[in-house]
Amino acid sequence: MSFSWKHTGLFAAGVAFGTAGVKILASKDAKKAYVHCTAAALRAKKCVMDTATTIQENAEDVLAEAKELNEERDLAEAECEIDDCNDDEEC
């Protein structure tokens, strides 16, 4: 088995690069960037949740109005059946 300086050099460079990367990721500037990105994500989440709430409220209103309309139609049909409508009358 022969000793390869090339592989040893690549390993040492990887360790040095990794150590530098960890120091960069843990720096104050990087942490400040993380805070700003997280704050932006939280603002976006709030905006999406507000929009979803508005859509849900509108859907509930539409559903309530549709149920009310169906109840009115059912009452009108029931009254028409009670009155024994003729073919000439509109029910």
N, C-alpha and C. Protein backbone atom coordinates (compact mmCIF):
# COMPACT_ATOMS: atom_id res chain seq x y z
N MET A 1 0.85 -1.17 0.00
CA MET A 1 0.00 0.00 0.00
C MET A 1 0.89 1.23 0.00
N SER A 2 0.62 2.11 -0.91
CA SER A 2 1.44 3.31 -1.01
C SER A 2 0.71 4.49 -0.37
N PHE A 3 1.50 5.40 0.14
CA PHE A 3 0.96 6.58 0.80
C PHE A 3 0.75 7.67 -0.25
N SER A 4 -0.47 8.21 -0.30
CA SER A 4 -0.78 9.20 -1.31
C SER A 4 -0.91 10.58 -0.66
N TRP A 5 0.02 11.45 -1.03
CA TRP A 5 -0.03 12.82 -0.51
C TRP A 5 -1.21 13.59 -1.10
N LYS A 6 -1.63 13.18 -2.28
CA LYS A 6 -2.76 13.84 -2.93
C LYS A 6 -4.03 13.67 -2.08
N HIS A 7 -4.29 12.44 -1.65
CA HIS A 7 -5.48 12.17 -0.83
C HIS A 7 -5.38 12.85 0.53
N THR A 8 -4.19 12.87 1.09
CA THR A 8 -3.99 13.52 2.38
C THR A 8 -4.21 15.02 2.25
N GLY A 9 -3.73 15.60 1.18
CA GLY A 9 -3.92 17.04 0.93
C GLY A 9 -5.39 17.36 0.72
N LEU A 10 -6.11 16.52 -0.02
CA LEU A 10 -7.54 16.74 -0.22
C LEU A 10 -8.30 16.63 1.10
N PHE A 11 -7.91 15.68 1.92
CA PHE A 11 -8.57 15.53 3.22
C PHE A 11 -8.31 16.77 4.08
N ALA A 12 -7.09 17.23 4.13
CA ALA A 12 -6.74 18.41 4.93
C ALA A 12 -7.49 19.65 4.41
N ALA A 13 -7.58 19.79 3.10
CA ALA A 13 -8.31 20.92 2.53
C ALA A 13 -9.79 20.83 2.89
N GLY A 14 -10.36 19.64 2.86
CA GLY A 14 -11.76 19.45 3.25
C GLY A 14 -12.01 19.82 4.69
N VAL A 15 -11.10 19.41 5.58
CA VAL A 15 -11.23 19.74 7.00
C VAL A 15 -11.13 21.26 7.18
N ALA A 16 -10.19 21.89 6.52
CA ALA A 16 -10.01 23.34 6.64
C ALA A 16 -11.24 24.07 6.09
N PHE A 17 -11.72 23.63 4.96
CA PHE A 17 -12.90 24.25 4.35
C PHE A 17 -14.13 24.07 5.25
N GLY A 18 -14.29 22.88 5.81
CA GLY A 18 -15.40 22.61 6.71
C GLY A 18 -15.34 23.46 7.96
N THR A 19 -14.15 23.59 8.53
CA THR A 19 -13.98 24.41 9.73
C THR A 19 -14.29 25.87 9.42
N ALA A 20 -13.81 26.36 8.30
CA ALA A 20 -14.10 27.75 7.90
C ALA A 20 -15.59 27.93 7.65
N GLY A 21 -16.22 26.93 7.03
CA GLY A 21 -17.65 27.00 6.76
C GLY A 21 -18.47 27.08 8.03
N VAL A 22 -18.08 26.29 9.04
CA VAL A 22 -18.79 26.32 10.32
C VAL A 22 -18.62 27.68 10.97
N LYS A 23 -17.43 28.24 10.92
CA LYS A 23 -17.19 29.56 11.51
C LYS A 23 -18.01 30.63 10.79
N ILE A 24 -18.10 30.53 9.47
CA ILE A 24 -18.89 31.51 8.70
C ILE A 24 -20.37 31.37 9.05
N LEU A 25 -20.86 30.14 9.12
CA LEU A 25 -22.28 29.92 9.42
C LEU A 25 -22.65 30.35 10.83
N ALA A 26 -21.68 30.34 11.74
CA ALA A 26 -21.93 30.71 13.13
C ALA A 26 -21.59 32.17 13.42
N SER A 27 -21.21 32.93 12.42
CA SER A 27 -20.81 34.32 12.65
C SER A 27 -22.02 35.19 12.96
N LYS A 28 -21.75 36.38 13.51
CA LYS A 28 -22.83 37.32 13.85
C LYS A 28 -23.60 37.76 12.61
N ASP A 29 -22.87 38.00 11.51
CA ASP A 29 -23.53 38.42 10.27
C ASP A 29 -24.46 37.33 9.74
N ALA A 30 -24.02 36.08 9.83
CA ALA A 30 -24.86 34.98 9.37
C ALA A 30 -26.10 34.86 10.25
N LYS A 31 -25.92 35.00 11.56
CA LYS A 31 -27.07 34.92 12.46
C LYS A 31 -28.06 36.05 12.18
N LYS A 32 -27.53 37.23 11.88
CA LYS A 32 -28.40 38.37 11.54
C LYS A 32 -29.19 38.05 10.28
N ALA A 33 -28.55 37.45 9.30
CA ALA A 33 -29.25 37.07 8.06
C ALA A 33 -30.31 36.01 8.36
N TYR A 34 -30.02 35.06 9.23
CA TYR A 34 -31.01 34.03 9.60
C TYR A 34 -32.23 34.68 10.25
N VAL A 35 -31.98 35.67 11.12
CA VAL A 35 -33.09 36.34 11.81
C VAL A 35 -33.97 37.06 10.79
N HIS A 36 -33.34 37.77 9.85
CA HIS A 36 -34.11 38.50 8.84
C HIS A 36 -34.91 37.55 7.94
N CYS A 37 -34.30 36.46 7.56
CA CYS A 37 -35.01 35.47 6.72
C CYS A 37 -36.18 34.84 7.48
N THR A 38 -35.96 34.52 8.75
CA THR A 38 -37.02 33.93 9.56
C THR A 38 -38.16 34.93 9.77
N ALA A 39 -37.82 36.19 10.01
CA ALA A 39 -38.84 37.22 10.19
C ALA A 39 -39.67 37.38 8.91
N ALA A 40 -39.01 37.35 7.76
CA ALA A 40 -39.73 37.45 6.49
C ALA A 40 -40.65 36.25 6.29
N ALA A 41 -40.18 35.08 6.67
CA ALA A 41 -41.02 33.88 6.55
C ALA A 41 -42.23 33.97 7.46
N LEU A 42 -42.05 34.49 8.66
CA LEU A 42 -43.18 34.64 9.59
C LEU A 42 -44.19 35.66 9.07
N ARG A 43 -43.70 36.76 8.45
CA ARG A 43 -44.62 37.74 7.86
C ARG A 43 -45.40 37.12 6.71
N ALA A 44 -44.72 36.33 5.90
CA ALA A 44 -45.40 35.66 4.78
C ALA A 44 -46.44 34.69 5.29
N LYS A 45 -46.11 33.96 6.35
CA LYS A 45 -47.06 33.01 6.94
C LYS A 45 -48.30 33.74 7.45
N LYS A 46 -48.10 34.87 8.11
CA LYS A 46 -49.23 35.66 8.63
C LYS A 46 -50.12 36.12 7.49
N CYS A 47 -49.52 36.58 6.42
CA CYS A 47 -50.28 37.05 5.26
C CYS A 47 -51.10 35.90 4.67
N VAL A 48 -50.51 34.75 4.53
CA VAL A 48 -51.21 33.59 3.98
C VAL A 48 -52.34 33.17 4.91
N MET A 49 -52.09 33.17 6.21
CA MET A 49 -53.13 32.76 7.16
C MET A 49 -54.28 33.76 7.17
N ASP A 50 -53.98 35.06 7.06
CA ASP A 50 -55.04 36.07 6.99
C ASP A 50 -55.91 35.86 5.75
N THR A 51 -55.27 35.59 4.62
CA THR A 51 -56.00 35.35 3.38
C THR A 51 -56.84 34.08 3.50
N ALA A 52 -56.30 33.04 4.08
CA ALA A 52 -57.04 31.79 4.24
C ALA A 52 -58.25 32.01 5.15
N THR A 53 -58.09 32.79 6.20
CA THR A 53 -59.20 33.08 7.11
C THR A 53 -60.31 33.84 6.38
N THR A 54 -59.93 34.82 5.57
CA THR A 54 -60.91 35.59 4.80
C THR A 54 -61.66 34.69 3.83
N ILE A 55 -60.95 33.82 3.15
CA ILE A 55 -61.59 32.89 2.21
C ILE A 55 -62.55 31.96 2.95
N GLN A 56 -62.14 31.47 4.10
CA GLN A 56 -62.99 30.57 4.89
C GLN A 56 -64.25 31.29 5.35
N GLU A 57 -64.11 32.52 5.81
CA GLU A 57 -65.28 33.29 6.24
C GLU A 57 -66.25 33.51 5.08
N ASN A 58 -65.71 33.85 3.90
CA ASN A 58 -66.56 34.06 2.73
C ASN A 58 -67.27 32.76 2.33
N ALA A 59 -66.57 31.66 2.41
CA ALA A 59 -67.17 30.37 2.07
C ALA A 59 -68.29 30.03 3.04
N GLU A 60 -68.11 30.35 4.33
CA GLU A 60 -69.15 30.10 5.32
C GLU A 60 -70.38 30.96 5.02
N ASP A 61 -70.16 32.22 4.62
CA ASP A 61 -71.28 33.09 4.26
C ASP A 61 -72.05 32.55 3.06
N VAL A 62 -71.34 32.11 2.05
CA VAL A 62 -71.97 31.55 0.86
C VAL A 62 -72.78 30.31 1.23
N LEU A 63 -72.22 29.46 2.04
CA LEU A 63 -72.92 28.24 2.47
C LEU A 63 -74.20 28.58 3.24
N ALA A 64 -74.11 29.54 4.15
CA ALA A 64 -75.28 29.93 4.93
C ALA A 64 -76.37 30.50 4.03
N GLU A 65 -76.00 31.34 3.07
CA GLU A 65 -76.98 31.91 2.14
C GLU A 65 -77.60 30.83 1.26
N ALA A 66 -76.79 29.87 0.84
CA ALA A 66 -77.31 28.77 0.01
C ALA A 66 -78.31 27.93 0.79
N LYS A 67 -78.01 27.65 2.05
CA LYS A 67 -78.94 26.88 2.89
C LYS A 67 -80.24 27.66 3.08
N GLU A 68 -80.14 28.95 3.30
CA GLU A 68 -81.33 29.79 3.48
C GLU A 68 -82.17 29.79 2.20
N LEU A 69 -81.53 29.91 1.06
CA LEU A 69 -82.23 29.89 -0.22
C LEU A 69 -82.96 28.56 -0.42
N ASN A 70 -82.31 27.46 -0.11
CA ASN A 70 -82.95 26.15 -0.24
C ASN A 70 -84.13 26.00 0.71
N GLU A 71 -84.01 26.53 1.92
CA GLU A 71 -85.13 26.48 2.86
C GLU A 71 -86.32 27.27 2.33
N GLU A 72 -86.06 28.45 1.75
CA GLU A 72 -87.13 29.27 1.17
C GLU A 72 -87.82 28.53 0.01
N ARG A 73 -87.01 27.89 -0.83
CA ARG A 73 -87.59 27.13 -1.95
C ARG A 73 -88.43 25.96 -1.45
N ASP A 74 -87.93 25.28 -0.43
CA ASP A 74 -88.68 24.15 0.14
C ASP A 74 -90.01 24.63 0.71
N LEU A 75 -90.00 25.78 1.40
CA LEU A 75 -91.24 26.33 1.95
C LEU A 75 -92.21 26.70 0.84
N ALA A 76 -91.70 27.32 -0.22
CA ALA A 76 -92.55 27.72 -1.34
C ALA A 76 -93.16 26.49 -2.01
N GLU A 77 -92.37 25.44 -2.17
CA GLU A 77 -92.88 24.21 -2.78
C GLU A 77 -93.92 23.55 -1.87
N ALA A 78 -93.68 23.58 -0.57
CA ALA A 78 -94.64 23.00 0.37
C ALA A 78 -95.95 23.77 0.33
N GLU A 79 -95.91 25.09 0.27
CA GLU A 79 -97.12 25.91 0.19
C GLU A 79 -97.87 25.62 -1.11
N CYS A 80 -97.13 25.44 -2.17
CA CYS A 80 -97.73 25.16 -3.47
C CYS A 80 -98.45 23.82 -3.42
N GLU A 81 -97.87 22.84 -2.79
CA GLU A 81 -98.51 21.52 -2.69
C GLU A 81 -99.76 21.60 -1.82
N ILE A 82 -99.72 22.42 -0.79
CA ILE A 82 -100.89 22.56 0.09
C ILE A 82 -102.04 23.22 -0.65
N ASP A 83 -101.73 24.20 -1.48
CA ASP A 83 -102.75 24.94 -2.22
C ASP A 83 -103.30 24.15 -3.39
N ASP A 84 -102.75 22.96 -3.65
CA ASP A 84 -103.16 22.14 -4.81
C ASP A 84 -103.16 22.97 -6.08
N CYS A 85 -102.00 23.35 -6.50
CA CYS A 85 -101.85 24.17 -7.68
C CYS A 85 -102.41 23.49 -8.92
N ASN A 86 -103.04 24.29 -9.77
CA ASN A 86 -103.48 23.82 -11.07
C ASN A 86 -102.35 23.97 -12.06
N ASP A 87 -102.51 23.38 -13.24
CA ASP A 87 -101.48 23.49 -14.27
C ASP A 87 -101.33 24.92 -14.75
N ASP A 88 -102.38 25.75 -14.60
CA ASP A 88 -102.34 27.13 -15.07
C ASP A 88 -101.56 28.03 -14.13
N GLU A 89 -101.51 27.66 -12.87
CA GLU A 89 -100.82 28.49 -11.88
C GLU A 89 -99.34 28.15 -11.83
N GLU A 90 -98.57 29.14 -11.50
CA GLU A 90 -97.14 28.93 -11.34
C GLU A 90 -96.83 28.67 -9.88
N CYS A 91 -96.05 27.66 -9.62
CA CYS A 91 -95.71 27.34 -8.23
C CYS A 91 -94.25 27.60 -7.99
